[in-house]
């Protein structure tokens, strides 16, 4: 019983430390926004400095911290090191949702994506009443 409590306390402390690592820096927040709104995109530190408008050294330092926290992965090509968001991180889905909500990106994407009824100009009852209907195959 006591070991379960100690284990939970340790997990809580690790979670708190991870959150402090995540949100204690303006540069880190900008980097998280770039990576979480474009999760499959690879970036070099110079490119990220240009995108965020921050100094190269600050960006590089924060990239190291995010990689240590398991939120980023890096790949080296010769002397070039590229970073990408780690979708394997247990925090990735929640952080992505949080960032999309905070930046309003999700709403912009939704408003730019046409409704399926508008895209294919078909009555709603065709889709609702015919579960075997596959858009594109029955046209």
C-alpha atoms as a PDB file:
ATOM      1  CA  UNK A   1       0.000   0.000   0.000  1.00  0.00           C
ATOM      2  CA  UNK A   2       2.734   2.397   0.971  1.00  0.00           C
ATOM      3  CA  UNK A   3       4.770   1.578  -2.163  1.00  0.00           C
ATOM      4  CA  UNK A   4       1.771   2.484  -4.389  1.00  0.00           C
ATOM      5  CA  UNK A   5       1.572   5.876  -2.719  1.00  0.00           C
ATOM      6  CA  UNK A   6       5.310   6.428  -3.125  1.00  0.00           C
ATOM      7  CA  UNK A   7       5.094   5.405  -6.789  1.00  0.00           C
ATOM      8  CA  UNK A   8       2.177   7.811  -7.415  1.00  0.00           C
ATOM      9  CA  UNK A   9       4.075  10.615  -5.688  1.00  0.00           C
ATOM     10  CA  UNK A  10       7.107   9.959  -7.868  1.00  0.00           C
ATOM     11  CA  UNK A  11       4.943   9.962 -11.027  1.00  0.00           C
ATOM     12  CA  UNK A  12       3.323  13.221  -9.934  1.00  0.00           C
ATOM     13  CA  UNK A  13       6.708  14.811  -9.294  1.00  0.00           C
ATOM     14  CA  UNK A  14       7.968  13.668 -12.706  1.00  0.00           C
ATOM     15  CA  UNK A  15       4.816  15.043 -14.370  1.00  0.00           C
ATOM     16  CA  UNK A  16       5.213  18.371 -12.578  1.00  0.00           C
ATOM     17  CA  UNK A  17       8.844  18.599 -13.635  1.00  0.00           C
ATOM     18  CA  UNK A  18       7.873  17.837 -17.235  1.00  0.00           C
ATOM     19  CA  UNK A  19       5.218  20.577 -17.251  1.00  0.00           C
ATOM     20  CA  UNK A  20       7.685  23.065 -15.797  1.00  0.00           C
ATOM     21  CA  UNK A  21      10.093  22.093 -18.550  1.00  0.00           C
ATOM     22  CA  UNK A  22       7.411  22.608 -21.173  1.00  0.00           C
ATOM     23  CA  UNK A  23       5.943  25.960 -20.297  1.00  0.00           C
ATOM     24  CA  UNK A  24       8.650  27.973 -18.536  1.00  0.00           C
ATOM     25  CA  UNK A  25       9.987  29.647 -21.688  1.00  0.00           C
ATOM     26  CA  UNK A  26       8.536  31.941 -24.361  1.00  0.00           C
ATOM     27  CA  UNK A  27      10.845  30.366 -26.970  1.00  0.00           C
ATOM     28  CA  UNK A  28       9.727  26.869 -25.952  1.00  0.00           C
ATOM     29  CA  UNK A  29       6.078  27.809 -26.375  1.00  0.00           C
ATOM     30  CA  UNK A  30       6.792  29.182 -29.873  1.00  0.00           C
ATOM     31  CA  UNK A  31       8.664  26.015 -30.797  1.00  0.00           C
ATOM     32  CA  UNK A  32       5.870  23.812 -29.468  1.00  0.00           C
ATOM     33  CA  UNK A  33       3.389  25.772 -31.540  1.00  0.00           C
ATOM     34  CA  UNK A  34       5.446  25.220 -34.701  1.00  0.00           C
ATOM     35  CA  UNK A  35       5.938  21.500 -34.074  1.00  0.00           C
ATOM     36  CA  UNK A  36       2.451  20.675 -32.780  1.00  0.00           C
ATOM     37  CA  UNK A  37       0.613  22.494 -35.565  1.00  0.00           C
ATOM     38  CA  UNK A  38       2.847  20.821 -38.205  1.00  0.00           C
ATOM     39  CA  UNK A  39       3.602  17.441 -36.599  1.00  0.00           C
ATOM     40  CA  UNK A  40       5.184  15.645 -39.568  1.00  0.00           C
ATOM     41  CA  UNK A  41       7.393  18.530 -40.672  1.00  0.00           C
ATOM     42  CA  UNK A  42      11.176  18.432 -40.040  1.00  0.00           C
ATOM     43  CA  UNK A  43      12.987  21.640 -39.123  1.00  0.00           C
ATOM     44  CA  UNK A  44      16.600  22.760 -38.738  1.00  0.00           C
ATOM     45  CA  UNK A  45      17.430  25.070 -35.819  1.00  0.00           C
ATOM     46  CA  UNK A  46      18.252  28.012 -38.146  1.00  0.00           C
ATOM     47  CA  UNK A  47      14.907  27.626 -39.876  1.00  0.00           C
ATOM     48  CA  UNK A  48      13.149  27.578 -36.499  1.00  0.00           C
ATOM     49  CA  UNK A  49      15.017  30.717 -35.413  1.00  0.00           C
ATOM     50  CA  UNK A  50      13.773  32.466 -38.549  1.00  0.00           C
ATOM     51  CA  UNK A  51      10.181  31.220 -38.117  1.00  0.00           C
ATOM     52  CA  UNK A  52       9.951  32.173 -34.439  1.00  0.00           C
ATOM     53  CA  UNK A  53      11.978  35.375 -34.643  1.00  0.00           C
ATOM     54  CA  UNK A  54      14.172  34.213 -31.750  1.00  0.00           C
ATOM     55  CA  UNK A  55      17.955  33.946 -31.430  1.00  0.00           C
ATOM     56  CA  UNK A  56      19.621  30.799 -32.753  1.00  0.00           C
ATOM     57  CA  UNK A  57      21.258  29.992 -29.385  1.00  0.00           C
ATOM     58  CA  UNK A  58      17.937  30.269 -27.525  1.00  0.00           C
ATOM     59  CA  UNK A  59      16.220  28.054 -30.074  1.00  0.00           C
ATOM     60  CA  UNK A  60      18.989  25.449 -29.967  1.00  0.00           C
ATOM     61  CA  UNK A  61      18.915  25.344 -26.133  1.00  0.00           C
ATOM     62  CA  UNK A  62      15.135  24.836 -26.091  1.00  0.00           C
ATOM     63  CA  UNK A  63      15.334  22.173 -28.795  1.00  0.00           C
ATOM     64  CA  UNK A  64      17.761  20.245 -26.584  1.00  0.00           C
ATOM     65  CA  UNK A  65      15.374  20.477 -23.613  1.00  0.00           C
ATOM     66  CA  UNK A  66      12.375  19.367 -25.682  1.00  0.00           C
ATOM     67  CA  UNK A  67      14.361  16.444 -27.071  1.00  0.00           C
ATOM     68  CA  UNK A  68      15.447  15.416 -23.560  1.00  0.00           C
ATOM     69  CA  UNK A  69      11.795  15.579 -22.450  1.00  0.00           C
ATOM     70  CA  UNK A  70      10.908  13.162 -25.267  1.00  0.00           C
ATOM     71  CA  UNK A  71       8.728  15.593 -27.213  1.00  0.00           C
ATOM     72  CA  UNK A  72      11.097  15.930 -30.174  1.00  0.00           C
ATOM     73  CA  UNK A  73      13.219  13.509 -32.124  1.00  0.00           C
ATOM     74  CA  UNK A  74      16.294  14.498 -34.091  1.00  0.00           C
ATOM     75  CA  UNK A  75      17.936  13.102 -37.179  1.00  0.00           C
ATOM     76  CA  UNK A  76      21.460  13.993 -38.273  1.00  0.00           C
ATOM     77  CA  UNK A  77      22.386  14.303 -41.955  1.00  0.00           C
ATOM     78  CA  UNK A  78      26.110  15.046 -42.140  1.00  0.00           C
ATOM     79  CA  UNK A  79      26.524  18.220 -40.079  1.00  0.00           C
ATOM     80  CA  UNK A  80      22.831  19.096 -40.285  1.00  0.00           C
ATOM     81  CA  UNK A  81      20.495  18.105 -37.452  1.00  0.00           C
ATOM     82  CA  UNK A  82      16.756  18.195 -38.126  1.00  0.00           C
ATOM     83  CA  UNK A  83      14.033  18.015 -35.486  1.00  0.00           C
ATOM     84  CA  UNK A  84      10.535  16.569 -35.706  1.00  0.00           C
ATOM     85  CA  UNK A  85       7.698  16.197 -33.208  1.00  0.00           C
ATOM     86  CA  UNK A  86       7.717  12.793 -31.494  1.00  0.00           C
ATOM     87  CA  UNK A  87       4.269  11.289 -31.902  1.00  0.00           C
ATOM     88  CA  UNK A  88       5.382   8.484 -29.564  1.00  0.00           C
ATOM     89  CA  UNK A  89       5.449  10.826 -26.558  1.00  0.00           C
ATOM     90  CA  UNK A  90       2.608  10.074 -24.133  1.00  0.00           C
ATOM     91  CA  UNK A  91       1.897  13.809 -23.941  1.00  0.00           C
ATOM     92  CA  UNK A  92       1.739  14.355 -27.716  1.00  0.00           C
ATOM     93  CA  UNK A  93      -2.045  13.936 -28.274  1.00  0.00           C
ATOM     94  CA  UNK A  94      -3.020  16.184 -25.380  1.00  0.00           C
ATOM     95  CA  UNK A  95      -0.405  18.838 -26.129  1.00  0.00           C
ATOM     96  CA  UNK A  96      -1.453  18.913 -29.783  1.00  0.00           C
ATOM     97  CA  UNK A  97      -5.119  19.380 -28.839  1.00  0.00           C
ATOM     98  CA  UNK A  98      -4.164  22.078 -26.355  1.00  0.00           C
ATOM     99  CA  UNK A  99      -2.007  23.921 -28.898  1.00  0.00           C
ATOM    100  CA  UNK A 100      -4.661  23.698 -31.620  1.00  0.00           C
ATOM    101  CA  UNK A 101      -7.237  25.113 -29.212  1.00  0.00           C
ATOM    102  CA  UNK A 102      -4.909  27.852 -27.984  1.00  0.00           C
ATOM    103  CA  UNK A 103      -3.925  28.991 -31.475  1.00  0.00           C
ATOM    104  CA  UNK A 104      -7.341  28.553 -33.072  1.00  0.00           C
ATOM    105  CA  UNK A 105      -5.724  26.445 -35.800  1.00  0.00           C
ATOM    106  CA  UNK A 106      -8.356  23.742 -35.530  1.00  0.00           C
ATOM    107  CA  UNK A 107     -11.164  26.219 -36.213  1.00  0.00           C
ATOM    108  CA  UNK A 108      -9.297  27.717 -39.195  1.00  0.00           C
ATOM    109  CA  UNK A 109      -8.754  24.241 -40.647  1.00  0.00           C
ATOM    110  CA  UNK A 110     -12.387  23.345 -40.111  1.00  0.00           C
ATOM    111  CA  UNK A 111     -13.605  26.542 -41.786  1.00  0.00           C
ATOM    112  CA  UNK A 112     -11.274  26.016 -44.763  1.00  0.00           C
ATOM    113  CA  UNK A 113     -12.340  22.387 -45.291  1.00  0.00           C
ATOM    114  CA  UNK A 114     -15.529  22.224 -47.347  1.00  0.00           C
ATOM    115  CA  UNK A 115     -18.452  20.279 -46.029  1.00  0.00           C
ATOM    116  CA  UNK A 116     -18.778  16.894 -47.791  1.00  0.00           C
ATOM    117  CA  UNK A 117     -22.270  17.886 -48.985  1.00  0.00           C
ATOM    118  CA  UNK A 118     -20.890  21.044 -50.594  1.00  0.00           C
ATOM    119  CA  UNK A 119     -17.846  19.263 -52.024  1.00  0.00           C
ATOM    120  CA  UNK A 120     -19.828  16.581 -53.827  1.00  0.00           C
ATOM    121  CA  UNK A 121     -23.089  18.517 -54.260  1.00  0.00           C
ATOM    122  CA  UNK A 122     -25.286  15.609 -53.214  1.00  0.00           C
ATOM    123  CA  UNK A 123     -28.364  15.585 -51.060  1.00  0.00           C
ATOM    124  CA  UNK A 124     -27.830  14.788 -47.397  1.00  0.00           C
ATOM    125  CA  UNK A 125     -30.324  11.949 -47.545  1.00  0.00           C
ATOM    126  CA  UNK A 126     -28.102   9.995 -49.980  1.00  0.00           C
ATOM    127  CA  UNK A 127     -25.299   9.814 -47.430  1.00  0.00           C
ATOM    128  CA  UNK A 128     -27.609   9.383 -44.445  1.00  0.00           C
ATOM    129  CA  UNK A 129     -29.855   6.725 -46.016  1.00  0.00           C
ATOM    130  CA  UNK A 130     -27.325   4.660 -47.950  1.00  0.00           C
ATOM    131  CA  UNK A 131     -24.654   3.240 -45.655  1.00  0.00           C
ATOM    132  CA  UNK A 132     -23.189   1.304 -48.627  1.00  0.00           C
ATOM    133  CA  UNK A 133     -22.586   4.562 -50.562  1.00  0.00           C
ATOM    134  CA  UNK A 134     -18.894   5.329 -50.990  1.00  0.00           C
ATOM    135  CA  UNK A 135     -18.068   8.812 -52.243  1.00  0.00           C
ATOM    136  CA  UNK A 136     -16.146   8.651 -55.504  1.00  0.00           C
ATOM    137  CA  UNK A 137     -16.905   4.996 -56.248  1.00  0.00           C
ATOM    138  CA  UNK A 138     -20.636   5.310 -56.948  1.00  0.00           C
ATOM    139  CA  UNK A 139     -20.369   8.474 -59.074  1.00  0.00           C
END
